[in-house]
Amino acid sequence: MKKFYYLKNVTTLTLDKEKCKGCGMCMTVCPHGVFELIKGKAEIIDRDACMECGACALNCPFTAIGVKSGVGCAQAIIQGALKGTAPCCGPSDSPSCGSSCCG
């Protein structure tokens, strides 16, 4: 299966390793394999694959994960699907809004 990547180095995803207890819930709910358990703790192994859906933060029982869901490319893809247009990852008047910038 092809992995999807969005804009590099823009995700709001954070992980507090001190709070992480290694339950693996983030791995279970993440649709893009962003997390892996390493030495009994979650690690972000593929940050740029994060679509900021918020499933990991919502389901982390230890509040070790933070993400501003509904921002960035995830929102652009959703808005594009709702409007029937290509995703636009910037202001509506930016040059990238004429074509898909997240593909």
N, C-alpha and C. Protein backbone atom coordinates (compact mmCIF):
# COMPACT_ATOMS: atom_id res chain seq x y z
N MET A 1 0.84 -1.19 0.00
CA MET A 1 0.00 0.00 0.00
C MET A 1 0.88 1.25 0.00
N LYS A 2 0.53 2.19 -0.83
CA LYS A 2 1.29 3.43 -0.93
C LYS A 2 1.07 4.27 0.34
N LYS A 3 2.17 4.79 0.88
CA LYS A 3 2.07 5.68 2.04
C LYS A 3 1.84 7.10 1.54
N PHE A 4 0.97 7.81 2.23
CA PHE A 4 0.70 9.19 1.88
C PHE A 4 1.50 10.10 2.79
N TYR A 5 2.07 11.12 2.23
CA TYR A 5 2.78 12.12 3.00
C TYR A 5 2.18 13.47 2.69
N TYR A 6 2.22 14.34 3.63
CA TYR A 6 1.63 15.66 3.50
C TYR A 6 2.77 16.66 3.41
N LEU A 7 2.66 17.78 4.01
CA LEU A 7 3.75 18.75 3.99
C LEU A 7 4.79 18.35 5.02
N LYS A 8 6.05 18.39 4.65
CA LYS A 8 7.11 17.97 5.56
C LYS A 8 7.28 18.97 6.71
N ASN A 9 7.51 18.39 7.88
CA ASN A 9 7.85 19.15 9.09
C ASN A 9 6.81 20.19 9.50
N VAL A 10 5.53 19.92 9.29
CA VAL A 10 4.52 20.89 9.71
C VAL A 10 3.51 20.33 10.71
N THR A 11 3.53 19.03 10.95
CA THR A 11 2.54 18.44 11.84
C THR A 11 2.64 19.00 13.26
N THR A 12 1.52 19.10 13.92
CA THR A 12 1.47 19.61 15.29
C THR A 12 1.62 18.47 16.32
N LEU A 13 1.89 17.27 15.87
CA LEU A 13 1.98 16.09 16.72
C LEU A 13 3.11 16.21 17.75
N THR A 14 2.77 15.95 19.03
CA THR A 14 3.78 15.93 20.09
C THR A 14 3.60 14.66 20.92
N LEU A 15 4.68 14.21 21.53
CA LEU A 15 4.65 13.03 22.40
C LEU A 15 5.47 13.32 23.64
N ASP A 16 4.85 13.18 24.81
CA ASP A 16 5.54 13.35 26.09
C ASP A 16 5.94 11.96 26.58
N LYS A 17 7.21 11.61 26.39
CA LYS A 17 7.68 10.27 26.73
C LYS A 17 7.60 9.99 28.23
N GLU A 18 7.61 11.03 29.04
CA GLU A 18 7.49 10.85 30.49
C GLU A 18 6.10 10.34 30.87
N LYS A 19 5.08 10.80 30.15
CA LYS A 19 3.70 10.38 30.43
C LYS A 19 3.37 9.03 29.81
N CYS A 20 4.06 8.65 28.75
CA CYS A 20 3.76 7.41 28.02
C CYS A 20 4.04 6.20 28.91
N LYS A 21 3.07 5.28 28.95
CA LYS A 21 3.21 4.04 29.73
C LYS A 21 3.34 2.81 28.82
N GLY A 22 3.40 3.04 27.52
CA GLY A 22 3.63 1.95 26.58
C GLY A 22 2.44 1.04 26.33
N CYS A 23 1.23 1.56 26.44
CA CYS A 23 0.03 0.73 26.25
C CYS A 23 -0.19 0.34 24.79
N GLY A 24 0.34 1.12 23.85
CA GLY A 24 0.22 0.82 22.43
C GLY A 24 -1.07 1.28 21.78
N MET A 25 -1.91 2.00 22.50
CA MET A 25 -3.18 2.46 21.93
C MET A 25 -2.93 3.36 20.71
N CYS A 26 -1.91 4.18 20.75
CA CYS A 26 -1.61 5.07 19.62
C CYS A 26 -1.34 4.27 18.35
N MET A 27 -0.65 3.15 18.50
CA MET A 27 -0.37 2.29 17.35
C MET A 27 -1.65 1.65 16.82
N THR A 28 -2.55 1.32 17.72
CA THR A 28 -3.80 0.68 17.34
C THR A 28 -4.70 1.62 16.54
N VAL A 29 -4.77 2.88 16.95
CA VAL A 29 -5.73 3.81 16.33
C VAL A 29 -5.15 4.64 15.19
N CYS A 30 -3.84 4.73 15.08
CA CYS A 30 -3.23 5.56 14.03
C CYS A 30 -3.39 4.89 12.67
N PRO A 31 -4.06 5.57 11.72
CA PRO A 31 -4.27 4.96 10.40
C PRO A 31 -3.04 4.95 9.50
N HIS A 32 -1.96 5.66 9.91
CA HIS A 32 -0.79 5.75 9.03
C HIS A 32 0.50 5.23 9.63
N GLY A 33 0.43 4.49 10.73
CA GLY A 33 1.63 3.88 11.29
C GLY A 33 2.68 4.86 11.75
N VAL A 34 2.25 5.94 12.36
CA VAL A 34 3.17 6.99 12.81
C VAL A 34 3.97 6.55 14.05
N PHE A 35 3.39 5.64 14.84
CA PHE A 35 4.00 5.25 16.11
C PHE A 35 4.52 3.82 16.09
N GLU A 36 5.48 3.57 16.99
CA GLU A 36 6.00 2.24 17.22
C GLU A 36 6.42 2.17 18.69
N LEU A 37 6.28 1.00 19.31
CA LEU A 37 6.77 0.83 20.68
C LEU A 37 8.23 0.44 20.63
N ILE A 38 9.05 1.21 21.31
CA ILE A 38 10.48 0.95 21.38
C ILE A 38 10.88 1.01 22.86
N LYS A 39 11.41 -0.08 23.34
CA LYS A 39 11.81 -0.19 24.75
C LYS A 39 10.67 0.18 25.69
N GLY A 40 9.46 -0.30 25.36
CA GLY A 40 8.32 -0.11 26.23
C GLY A 40 7.67 1.26 26.22
N LYS A 41 8.06 2.10 25.28
CA LYS A 41 7.47 3.45 25.16
C LYS A 41 7.15 3.73 23.70
N ALA A 42 6.13 4.54 23.49
CA ALA A 42 5.79 4.96 22.12
C ALA A 42 6.87 5.88 21.58
N GLU A 43 7.12 5.75 20.31
CA GLU A 43 8.04 6.64 19.60
C GLU A 43 7.35 7.07 18.32
N ILE A 44 7.56 8.30 17.92
CA ILE A 44 7.08 8.78 16.62
C ILE A 44 8.13 8.36 15.60
N ILE A 45 7.76 7.44 14.72
CA ILE A 45 8.74 6.94 13.76
C ILE A 45 8.54 7.48 12.35
N ASP A 46 7.38 8.10 12.10
CA ASP A 46 7.10 8.62 10.76
C ASP A 46 6.23 9.87 10.87
N ARG A 47 6.80 10.93 11.42
CA ARG A 47 6.07 12.17 11.71
C ARG A 47 5.37 12.74 10.48
N ASP A 48 6.02 12.71 9.34
CA ASP A 48 5.44 13.32 8.14
C ASP A 48 4.26 12.53 7.57
N ALA A 49 4.01 11.32 8.08
CA ALA A 49 2.84 10.55 7.65
C ALA A 49 1.61 10.94 8.46
N CYS A 50 1.78 11.73 9.51
CA CYS A 50 0.66 12.14 10.37
C CYS A 50 -0.27 13.05 9.60
N MET A 51 -1.58 12.70 9.61
CA MET A 51 -2.58 13.54 8.95
C MET A 51 -3.37 14.37 9.94
N GLU A 52 -2.91 14.38 11.19
CA GLU A 52 -3.50 15.21 12.25
C GLU A 52 -4.98 14.92 12.47
N CYS A 53 -5.35 13.63 12.39
CA CYS A 53 -6.75 13.27 12.61
C CYS A 53 -7.13 13.36 14.09
N GLY A 54 -6.15 13.21 14.97
CA GLY A 54 -6.39 13.34 16.41
C GLY A 54 -6.76 12.05 17.12
N ALA A 55 -6.83 10.94 16.40
CA ALA A 55 -7.21 9.66 17.02
C ALA A 55 -6.25 9.27 18.13
N CYS A 56 -4.97 9.48 17.93
CA CYS A 56 -3.97 9.08 18.93
C CYS A 56 -4.14 9.87 20.22
N ALA A 57 -4.28 11.18 20.11
CA ALA A 57 -4.44 12.03 21.30
C ALA A 57 -5.75 11.75 22.01
N LEU A 58 -6.81 11.56 21.24
CA LEU A 58 -8.12 11.30 21.82
C LEU A 58 -8.15 9.98 22.59
N ASN A 59 -7.42 8.99 22.12
CA ASN A 59 -7.45 7.66 22.71
C ASN A 59 -6.30 7.35 23.67
N CYS A 60 -5.36 8.26 23.85
CA CYS A 60 -4.26 8.01 24.77
C CYS A 60 -4.75 8.16 26.20
N PRO A 61 -4.76 7.06 26.99
CA PRO A 61 -5.29 7.14 28.35
C PRO A 61 -4.38 7.91 29.31
N PHE A 62 -3.18 8.25 28.88
CA PHE A 62 -2.23 8.94 29.75
C PHE A 62 -1.95 10.38 29.30
N THR A 63 -2.71 10.87 28.34
CA THR A 63 -2.56 12.21 27.76
C THR A 63 -1.11 12.52 27.38
N ALA A 64 -0.44 11.53 26.84
CA ALA A 64 0.96 11.69 26.44
C ALA A 64 1.10 12.27 25.04
N ILE A 65 0.01 12.31 24.29
CA ILE A 65 0.07 12.76 22.90
C ILE A 65 -0.77 14.01 22.72
N GLY A 66 -0.23 14.94 21.97
CA GLY A 66 -0.96 16.15 21.64
C GLY A 66 -0.93 16.37 20.14
N VAL A 67 -2.02 16.85 19.60
CA VAL A 67 -2.10 17.20 18.18
C VAL A 67 -3.29 18.13 17.99
N LYS A 68 -3.12 19.13 17.16
CA LYS A 68 -4.23 20.03 16.84
C LYS A 68 -4.96 19.42 15.66
N SER A 69 -5.93 18.58 15.96
CA SER A 69 -6.65 17.90 14.88
C SER A 69 -7.48 18.89 14.08
N GLY A 70 -7.64 18.58 12.81
CA GLY A 70 -8.41 19.44 11.92
C GLY A 70 -7.61 20.60 11.35
N VAL A 71 -6.30 20.56 11.49
CA VAL A 71 -5.47 21.62 10.92
C VAL A 71 -4.58 21.00 9.85
N GLY A 72 -3.83 21.82 9.19
CA GLY A 72 -2.86 21.33 8.22
C GLY A 72 -3.48 20.62 7.05
N CYS A 73 -2.77 19.65 6.54
CA CYS A 73 -3.20 18.95 5.33
C CYS A 73 -4.42 18.08 5.53
N ALA A 74 -4.62 17.57 6.75
CA ALA A 74 -5.82 16.77 6.98
C ALA A 74 -7.06 17.61 6.70
N GLN A 75 -7.07 18.82 7.20
CA GLN A 75 -8.22 19.69 6.97
C GLN A 75 -8.33 20.03 5.48
N ALA A 76 -7.20 20.25 4.84
CA ALA A 76 -7.23 20.58 3.41
C ALA A 76 -7.84 19.45 2.59
N ILE A 77 -7.48 18.22 2.93
CA ILE A 77 -8.01 17.08 2.20
C ILE A 77 -9.51 16.95 2.43
N ILE A 78 -9.93 17.10 3.69
CA ILE A 78 -11.36 17.01 4.01
C ILE A 78 -12.15 18.11 3.32
N GLN A 79 -11.66 19.34 3.39
CA GLN A 79 -12.36 20.45 2.74
C GLN A 79 -12.41 20.25 1.23
N GLY A 80 -11.33 19.75 0.65
CA GLY A 80 -11.32 19.49 -0.79
C GLY A 80 -12.36 18.44 -1.17
N ALA A 81 -12.47 17.39 -0.33
CA ALA A 81 -13.45 16.34 -0.61
C ALA A 81 -14.87 16.88 -0.48
N LEU A 82 -15.11 17.71 0.52
CA LEU A 82 -16.45 18.27 0.72
C LEU A 82 -16.84 19.23 -0.40
N LYS A 83 -15.87 19.99 -0.88
CA LYS A 83 -16.14 20.99 -1.91
C LYS A 83 -15.96 20.45 -3.32
N GLY A 84 -15.40 19.25 -3.44
CA GLY A 84 -15.15 18.68 -4.76
C GLY A 84 -13.98 19.34 -5.47
N THR A 85 -13.03 19.87 -4.69
CA THR A 85 -11.86 20.54 -5.26
C THR A 85 -10.58 19.84 -4.80
N ALA A 86 -9.47 20.23 -5.37
CA ALA A 86 -8.18 19.69 -4.94
C ALA A 86 -7.83 20.24 -3.56
N PRO A 87 -7.09 19.48 -2.76
CA PRO A 87 -6.68 19.98 -1.45
C PRO A 87 -5.84 21.25 -1.58
N CYS A 88 -6.04 22.16 -0.67
CA CYS A 88 -5.25 23.39 -0.64
C CYS A 88 -4.70 23.56 0.77
N CYS A 89 -3.40 23.52 0.90
CA CYS A 89 -2.76 23.56 2.22
C CYS A 89 -2.35 24.96 2.64
N GLY A 90 -2.88 25.96 2.03
CA GLY A 90 -2.54 27.32 2.40
C GLY A 90 -3.75 28.21 2.27
N PRO A 91 -3.56 29.49 2.36
CA PRO A 91 -4.69 30.42 2.18
C PRO A 91 -5.32 30.22 0.81
N SER A 92 -6.61 30.47 0.70
CA SER A 92 -7.31 30.19 -0.55
C SER A 92 -6.78 30.99 -1.74
N ASP A 93 -6.08 32.07 -1.48
CA ASP A 93 -5.53 32.86 -2.58
C ASP A 93 -4.06 32.54 -2.87
N SER A 94 -3.52 31.50 -2.21
CA SER A 94 -2.11 31.16 -2.44
C SER A 94 -1.95 30.40 -3.76
N PRO A 95 -0.77 30.46 -4.37
CA PRO A 95 -0.55 29.79 -5.65
C PRO A 95 -0.76 28.28 -5.58
N SER A 96 -0.53 27.65 -4.41
CA SER A 96 -0.66 26.20 -4.32
C SER A 96 -2.11 25.73 -4.37
N CYS A 97 -3.07 26.65 -4.26
CA CYS A 97 -4.47 26.25 -4.20
C CYS A 97 -5.05 25.91 -5.55
N GLY A 98 -4.30 26.07 -6.59
CA GLY A 98 -4.78 25.67 -7.89
C GLY A 98 -4.53 24.21 -8.18
N SER A 99 -3.72 23.55 -7.35
CA SER A 99 -3.42 22.14 -7.55
C SER A 99 -3.20 21.48 -6.20
N SER A 100 -3.19 20.17 -6.22
CA SER A 100 -3.00 19.43 -4.98
C SER A 100 -1.58 19.62 -4.46
N CYS A 101 -1.47 20.02 -3.21
CA CYS A 101 -0.14 20.21 -2.62
C CYS A 101 0.17 19.13 -1.61
N CYS A 102 -0.71 18.18 -1.41
CA CYS A 102 -0.54 17.19 -0.36
C CYS A 102 -0.30 15.78 -0.88
N GLY A 103 -0.37 15.60 -2.19
CA GLY A 103 -0.39 14.27 -2.76
C GLY A 103 0.78 13.46 -2.67
